[in-house]
């Protein structure tokens, strides 16, 4: 007979893989921000004309891009932390049922853990991190464009174009908070609906054949 631990093993393996992915994304964002910032700081000692143009024309884009990368890295790390907490909650709930282990009163029952794993809201910080990562990439594209004379508008209006996207991760967090919460409520409501029995007027009574 399969145990509770065997039954939730695929879920735990899934959470473990997702935690690894979130950790890689978080580390990538932090490393990329550090690499860009160190390149800008070392521009004075560089012989590359492109690097000097980046520091002169694209500095606001680079600074905002690095800041957004740090925000995205923190969002991915927060997502990893939430998944790790859910992993431990499922393990404790399985120990409660399988081994008779009495966990603290703050632990969740298995049904609540599975409902959380199936919810849309669980991936809130992952979506914020993805938006931040894409926004930072767009800022770096603007920084490169500002070094080209054909895209002089990116250089003239660099202070106007660079700073507003910094608020995009926060705006996306607010929108996703309400949207994902609504989707979970709708999904929960659909799960509670029961099929109504057909009314007596819609029931077709077979006619008796005349003898």
Protein backbone atom coordinates (compact mmCIF):
# COMPACT_ATOMS: atom_id res chain seq x y z
CA UNK A 1 0.00 0.00 0.00
CA UNK A 2 1.39 3.39 -1.04
CA UNK A 3 2.20 5.76 1.80
CA UNK A 4 1.39 9.46 2.02
CA UNK A 5 5.04 10.32 1.50
CA UNK A 6 5.10 8.32 -1.73
CA UNK A 7 1.94 10.04 -2.88
CA UNK A 8 3.29 13.58 -2.47
CA UNK A 9 6.79 12.75 -3.74
CA UNK A 10 6.04 14.06 -7.28
CA UNK A 11 4.83 17.33 -5.74
CA UNK A 12 7.96 17.62 -3.61
CA UNK A 13 10.18 16.89 -6.61
CA UNK A 14 8.34 19.54 -8.60
CA UNK A 15 8.82 22.11 -5.83
CA UNK A 16 12.50 21.21 -5.59
CA UNK A 17 13.03 21.81 -9.32
CA UNK A 18 11.15 25.09 -9.19
CA UNK A 19 13.22 26.24 -6.21
CA UNK A 20 16.36 25.51 -8.22
CA UNK A 21 15.05 27.52 -11.18
CA UNK A 22 14.14 30.48 -8.97
CA UNK A 23 17.58 30.37 -7.36
CA UNK A 24 19.30 30.38 -10.76
CA UNK A 25 17.18 33.31 -11.96
CA UNK A 26 17.86 35.26 -8.76
CA UNK A 27 21.59 34.65 -9.00
CA UNK A 28 21.64 35.61 -12.67
CA UNK A 29 19.90 38.93 -12.00
CA UNK A 30 22.29 39.85 -9.20
CA UNK A 31 25.37 38.81 -11.19
CA UNK A 32 24.21 40.71 -14.28
CA UNK A 33 23.56 43.88 -12.26
CA UNK A 34 27.02 43.62 -10.67
CA UNK A 35 28.67 43.04 -14.07
CA UNK A 36 26.99 46.05 -15.68
CA UNK A 37 27.72 48.30 -12.72
CA UNK A 38 31.39 47.26 -12.61
CA UNK A 39 31.69 47.88 -16.36
CA UNK A 40 30.35 51.40 -15.97
CA UNK A 41 32.64 52.08 -13.02
CA UNK A 42 35.65 50.88 -15.01
CA UNK A 43 34.79 52.99 -18.07
CA UNK A 44 37.40 55.61 -17.19
CA UNK A 45 40.19 53.05 -17.46
CA UNK A 46 38.79 51.44 -20.61
CA UNK A 47 40.11 52.09 -24.10
CA UNK A 48 36.79 51.18 -25.70
CA UNK A 49 34.91 54.07 -27.26
CA UNK A 50 31.66 52.15 -26.92
CA UNK A 51 32.06 51.88 -23.15
CA UNK A 52 32.76 55.62 -22.91
CA UNK A 53 29.64 56.38 -24.94
CA UNK A 54 27.62 54.12 -22.67
CA UNK A 55 28.82 56.02 -19.63
CA UNK A 56 28.17 59.44 -21.19
CA UNK A 57 24.90 58.84 -23.02
CA UNK A 58 23.36 55.70 -21.51
CA UNK A 59 24.21 56.08 -17.83
CA UNK A 60 20.60 56.66 -16.66
CA UNK A 61 19.44 53.58 -18.58
CA UNK A 62 22.22 51.48 -17.09
CA UNK A 63 21.58 52.62 -13.52
CA UNK A 64 17.83 52.05 -13.77
CA UNK A 65 18.41 48.70 -15.47
CA UNK A 66 20.70 47.58 -12.65
CA UNK A 67 18.18 48.70 -10.04
CA UNK A 68 15.38 46.79 -11.77
CA UNK A 69 17.61 43.71 -12.05
CA UNK A 70 18.16 43.82 -8.29
CA UNK A 71 14.40 44.10 -7.76
CA UNK A 72 13.83 41.14 -10.10
CA UNK A 73 16.47 39.10 -8.28
CA UNK A 74 14.80 39.83 -4.95
CA UNK A 75 11.41 38.83 -6.42
CA UNK A 76 12.79 35.50 -7.67
CA UNK A 77 14.39 34.89 -4.26
CA UNK A 78 11.07 35.66 -2.54
CA UNK A 79 9.37 33.16 -4.84
CA UNK A 80 11.98 30.56 -3.95
CA UNK A 81 11.43 31.26 -0.26
CA UNK A 82 7.67 30.75 -0.62
CA UNK A 83 8.18 27.47 -2.46
CA UNK A 84 10.63 26.29 0.19
CA UNK A 85 8.12 27.09 2.91
CA UNK A 86 5.42 25.15 1.06
CA UNK A 87 7.85 22.23 0.63
CA UNK A 88 8.45 22.09 4.39
CA UNK A 89 4.73 22.47 5.13
CA UNK A 90 3.88 19.50 2.89
CA UNK A 91 6.64 17.41 4.46
CA UNK A 92 5.36 18.17 7.97
CA UNK A 93 1.77 17.44 6.96
CA UNK A 94 2.84 14.10 5.50
CA UNK A 95 4.73 13.30 8.69
CA UNK A 96 1.57 14.08 10.68
CA UNK A 97 -0.46 11.58 8.66
CA UNK A 98 2.14 8.91 8.03
CA UNK A 99 4.30 8.80 11.14
CA UNK A 100 1.96 10.26 13.74
CA UNK A 101 4.38 13.12 14.23
CA UNK A 102 2.76 16.00 16.10
CA UNK A 103 3.97 19.16 14.40
CA UNK A 104 3.39 22.63 15.86
CA UNK A 105 -0.09 24.06 15.69
CA UNK A 106 1.00 26.52 13.02
CA UNK A 107 1.56 23.77 10.44
CA UNK A 108 -0.95 23.35 7.62
CA UNK A 109 -2.97 20.24 6.86
CA UNK A 110 -2.19 18.46 3.62
CA UNK A 111 -5.34 19.67 1.85
CA UNK A 112 -4.43 23.31 2.41
CA UNK A 113 -0.91 22.65 1.13
CA UNK A 114 -2.22 21.07 -2.07
CA UNK A 115 -4.69 23.91 -2.58
CA UNK A 116 -1.85 26.41 -2.20
CA UNK A 117 0.29 24.47 -4.68
CA UNK A 118 -2.58 24.57 -7.17
CA UNK A 119 -3.27 28.29 -6.72
CA UNK A 120 -2.37 31.03 -9.17
CA UNK A 121 -1.31 33.41 -6.40
CA UNK A 122 1.63 31.18 -5.52
CA UNK A 123 3.46 32.47 -8.60
CA UNK A 124 2.96 36.19 -7.90
CA UNK A 125 6.62 36.99 -7.25
CA UNK A 126 7.77 34.90 -10.20
CA UNK A 127 5.65 37.05 -12.53
CA UNK A 128 7.02 40.22 -10.94
CA UNK A 129 10.55 38.94 -11.44
CA UNK A 130 9.92 38.09 -15.10
CA UNK A 131 8.51 41.56 -15.77
CA UNK A 132 11.48 43.13 -14.00
CA UNK A 133 13.93 41.05 -16.01
CA UNK A 134 12.29 42.03 -19.32
CA UNK A 135 12.15 45.70 -18.28
CA UNK A 136 15.84 45.70 -17.37
CA UNK A 137 16.69 44.16 -20.73
CA UNK A 138 14.70 46.93 -22.43
CA UNK A 139 16.62 49.56 -20.45
CA UNK A 140 19.92 48.08 -21.64
CA UNK A 141 18.67 48.13 -25.23
CA UNK A 142 17.85 51.83 -24.80
CA UNK A 143 21.35 52.39 -23.39
CA UNK A 144 22.94 50.81 -26.45
CA UNK A 145 20.63 52.77 -28.75
CA UNK A 146 21.69 56.02 -27.08
CA UNK A 147 25.26 55.49 -28.32
CA UNK A 148 24.10 55.45 -31.95
CA UNK A 149 23.67 58.75 -33.75
CA UNK A 150 20.67 57.40 -35.68
CA UNK A 151 18.77 57.01 -32.40
CA UNK A 152 19.62 60.44 -31.00
CA UNK A 153 16.23 60.75 -29.30
CA UNK A 154 17.28 58.09 -26.78
CA UNK A 155 20.19 60.36 -25.87
CA UNK A 156 18.29 63.66 -25.78
CA UNK A 157 15.38 62.33 -23.69
CA UNK A 158 17.37 59.80 -21.67
CA UNK A 159 16.26 61.19 -18.30
CA UNK A 160 12.61 61.14 -19.42
CA UNK A 161 12.70 57.62 -20.89
CA UNK A 162 14.92 55.91 -18.33
CA UNK A 163 13.24 56.52 -14.97
CA UNK A 164 9.50 55.75 -15.46
CA UNK A 165 10.04 51.99 -16.09
CA UNK A 166 11.45 51.75 -12.57
CA UNK A 167 7.86 51.76 -11.27
CA UNK A 168 6.76 48.97 -13.62
CA UNK A 169 7.57 46.03 -11.26
CA UNK A 170 5.55 47.68 -8.47
CA UNK A 171 2.66 48.37 -10.82
CA UNK A 172 2.75 44.79 -12.09
CA UNK A 173 2.75 43.50 -8.51
CA UNK A 174 -0.43 45.43 -7.72
CA UNK A 175 -2.17 44.31 -10.90
CA UNK A 176 -1.09 40.68 -10.49
CA UNK A 177 -2.17 40.68 -6.85
CA UNK A 178 -5.77 41.45 -7.75
CA UNK A 179 -5.81 39.42 -10.97
CA UNK A 180 -4.40 36.22 -9.48
CA UNK A 181 -6.56 36.54 -6.37
CA UNK A 182 -9.61 36.86 -8.60
CA UNK A 183 -8.61 33.81 -10.63
CA UNK A 184 -8.21 31.75 -7.46
CA UNK A 185 -11.62 32.86 -6.20
CA UNK A 186 -13.22 32.02 -9.53
CA UNK A 187 -11.53 28.63 -9.57
CA UNK A 188 -12.64 27.95 -6.00
CA UNK A 189 -16.19 28.96 -6.87
CA UNK A 190 -16.28 26.66 -9.88
CA UNK A 191 -15.03 23.79 -7.75
CA UNK A 192 -17.85 24.27 -5.24
CA UNK A 193 -20.59 24.31 -7.84
CA UNK A 194 -22.70 21.20 -7.90
CA UNK A 195 -24.62 19.99 -10.86
CA UNK A 196 -28.28 20.75 -10.38
CA UNK A 197 -30.65 17.88 -11.09
CA UNK A 198 -32.84 18.43 -14.14
CA UNK A 199 -36.27 19.87 -13.46
CA UNK A 200 -39.29 17.62 -13.73
CA UNK A 201 -40.55 19.64 -16.68
CA UNK A 202 -37.43 18.74 -18.69
CA UNK A 203 -37.61 15.06 -17.95
CA UNK A 204 -38.86 13.13 -20.95
CA UNK A 205 -41.25 10.37 -20.00
CA UNK A 206 -41.33 7.63 -22.62
CA UNK A 207 -44.72 7.24 -24.22
CA UNK A 208 -46.41 3.92 -23.97
CA UNK A 209 -47.09 2.23 -27.26
CA UNK A 210 -50.75 1.45 -27.94
CA UNK A 211 -51.65 -2.21 -27.89
